[in-house]
Amino acid sequence: PRSVDTALWIAVMRALFTVPMHAVCGMLIGVGVARRTFNGEILRSWQILSLPLLIHGIYDFFAIFVIVFLPSVVPVILALLLTASFAFLHREIKRIKTIEIEERRVLL
């Protein structure tokens, strides 16, 4: 039946994308906390959590609701979402490293 195929498809999509999505969201939270703690940036908790919550919400929307109606589009959308999230995370980590290197130069 169609419902079994849909349930299997949802399970496969969740298995492939859930772990990377949670890793990205956790790392984004870590980057925000590091920026606040080590760089002295004024970031409130809602500012740190807003992007990971948005990413998680978009992921859940596509993983739960859209997959029933457009199953062939969902893997592409989730892959793009994860790619964009990793790119943003990479940029943030690189920015933190640059600030750290500049602070070391000032100390020397």
Protein backbone atom coordinates (compact mmCIF):
# COMPACT_ATOMS: atom_id res chain seq x y z
CA PRO A 1 0.00 0.00 0.00
CA ARG A 2 0.90 3.63 -0.49
CA SER A 3 1.05 4.40 3.24
CA VAL A 4 3.74 1.76 3.81
CA ASP A 5 5.83 3.23 0.99
CA THR A 6 5.42 6.71 2.43
CA ALA A 7 6.32 5.55 5.93
CA LEU A 8 9.42 3.77 4.60
CA TRP A 9 10.42 6.86 2.61
CA ILE A 10 10.05 9.05 5.72
CA ALA A 11 12.16 6.62 7.74
CA VAL A 12 14.94 6.62 5.11
CA MET A 13 14.97 10.43 4.86
CA ARG A 14 15.08 10.79 8.61
CA ALA A 15 17.89 8.23 8.87
CA LEU A 16 20.00 10.06 6.28
CA PHE A 17 19.43 13.65 7.35
CA THR A 18 18.60 13.67 11.07
CA VAL A 19 22.10 13.13 12.48
CA PRO A 20 23.82 15.76 10.27
CA MET A 21 21.03 18.26 10.94
CA HIS A 22 21.28 17.84 14.70
CA ALA A 23 25.08 18.06 14.51
CA VAL A 24 24.89 21.33 12.56
CA CYS A 25 22.33 22.81 14.95
CA GLY A 26 24.43 21.81 17.96
CA MET A 27 27.57 23.27 16.43
CA LEU A 28 25.79 26.52 15.60
CA ILE A 29 24.73 26.81 19.22
CA GLY A 30 28.32 26.09 20.28
CA VAL A 31 29.65 28.77 17.95
CA GLY A 32 27.19 31.29 19.39
CA VAL A 33 28.16 30.43 22.96
CA ALA A 34 31.86 30.63 22.03
CA ARG A 35 31.35 34.05 20.44
CA ARG A 36 29.63 35.27 23.58
CA THR A 37 32.06 33.67 26.03
CA PHE A 38 35.44 34.13 24.38
CA ASN A 39 34.97 37.09 22.04
CA GLY A 40 32.91 39.10 24.49
CA GLU A 41 30.13 39.66 21.96
CA ILE A 42 26.78 40.66 23.41
CA LEU A 43 24.54 37.82 22.32
CA ARG A 44 21.34 36.91 24.09
CA SER A 45 20.20 33.30 24.29
CA TRP A 46 17.42 33.88 21.74
CA GLN A 47 20.01 35.22 19.26
CA ILE A 48 22.14 32.12 19.71
CA LEU A 49 19.18 29.75 19.37
CA SER A 50 17.24 31.47 16.57
CA LEU A 51 19.15 30.09 13.55
CA PRO A 52 19.34 26.49 14.86
CA LEU A 53 15.62 26.61 15.69
CA LEU A 54 14.83 27.95 12.21
CA ILE A 55 16.92 25.23 10.56
CA HIS A 56 15.29 22.56 12.73
CA GLY A 57 11.82 23.88 11.96
CA ILE A 58 12.43 23.95 8.21
CA TYR A 59 13.86 20.44 8.39
CA ASP A 60 10.84 19.15 10.32
CA PHE A 61 8.44 20.82 7.89
CA PHE A 62 10.00 19.12 4.88
CA ALA A 63 10.65 15.82 6.63
CA ILE A 64 7.10 15.45 7.91
CA PHE A 65 4.57 17.37 5.81
CA VAL A 66 5.99 17.93 2.35
CA ILE A 67 7.29 14.39 1.94
CA VAL A 68 3.71 13.14 1.69
CA PHE A 69 2.95 15.45 -1.22
CA LEU A 70 6.29 15.88 -3.02
CA PRO A 71 8.52 12.97 -1.99
CA SER A 72 10.97 13.36 -4.86
CA VAL A 73 11.73 17.00 -3.97
CA VAL A 74 12.41 16.48 -0.27
CA PRO A 75 15.93 14.94 -0.48
CA VAL A 76 17.10 17.82 -2.66
CA ILE A 77 15.63 20.44 -0.33
CA LEU A 78 17.05 18.78 2.79
CA ALA A 79 20.46 18.41 1.14
CA LEU A 80 20.44 22.10 0.18
CA LEU A 81 19.41 23.08 3.70
CA LEU A 82 22.21 21.04 5.24
CA THR A 83 24.76 22.34 2.72
CA ALA A 84 23.79 25.94 3.44
CA SER A 85 23.94 25.25 7.18
CA PHE A 86 27.41 23.69 6.92
CA ALA A 87 28.60 26.64 4.80
CA PHE A 88 27.33 29.13 7.39
CA LEU A 89 28.92 27.11 10.19
CA HIS A 90 32.25 26.97 8.33
CA ARG A 91 32.18 30.75 7.84
CA GLU A 92 31.46 31.35 11.53
CA ILE A 93 34.26 29.04 12.70
CA LYS A 94 36.68 30.68 10.28
CA ARG A 95 35.65 34.11 11.59
CA ILE A 96 36.27 33.03 15.18
CA LYS A 97 39.70 31.65 14.26
CA THR A 98 40.58 34.94 12.52
CA ILE A 99 39.62 36.91 15.63
CA GLU A 100 41.68 34.54 17.77
CA ILE A 101 44.75 34.94 15.53
CA GLU A 102 44.41 38.73 15.59
CA GLU A 103 44.19 38.71 19.41
CA ARG A 104 47.38 36.64 19.63
CA ARG A 105 49.19 39.14 17.39
CA VAL A 106 48.10 41.98 19.65
CA LEU A 107 49.40 40.14 22.71
CA LEU A 108 52.81 39.59 21.10
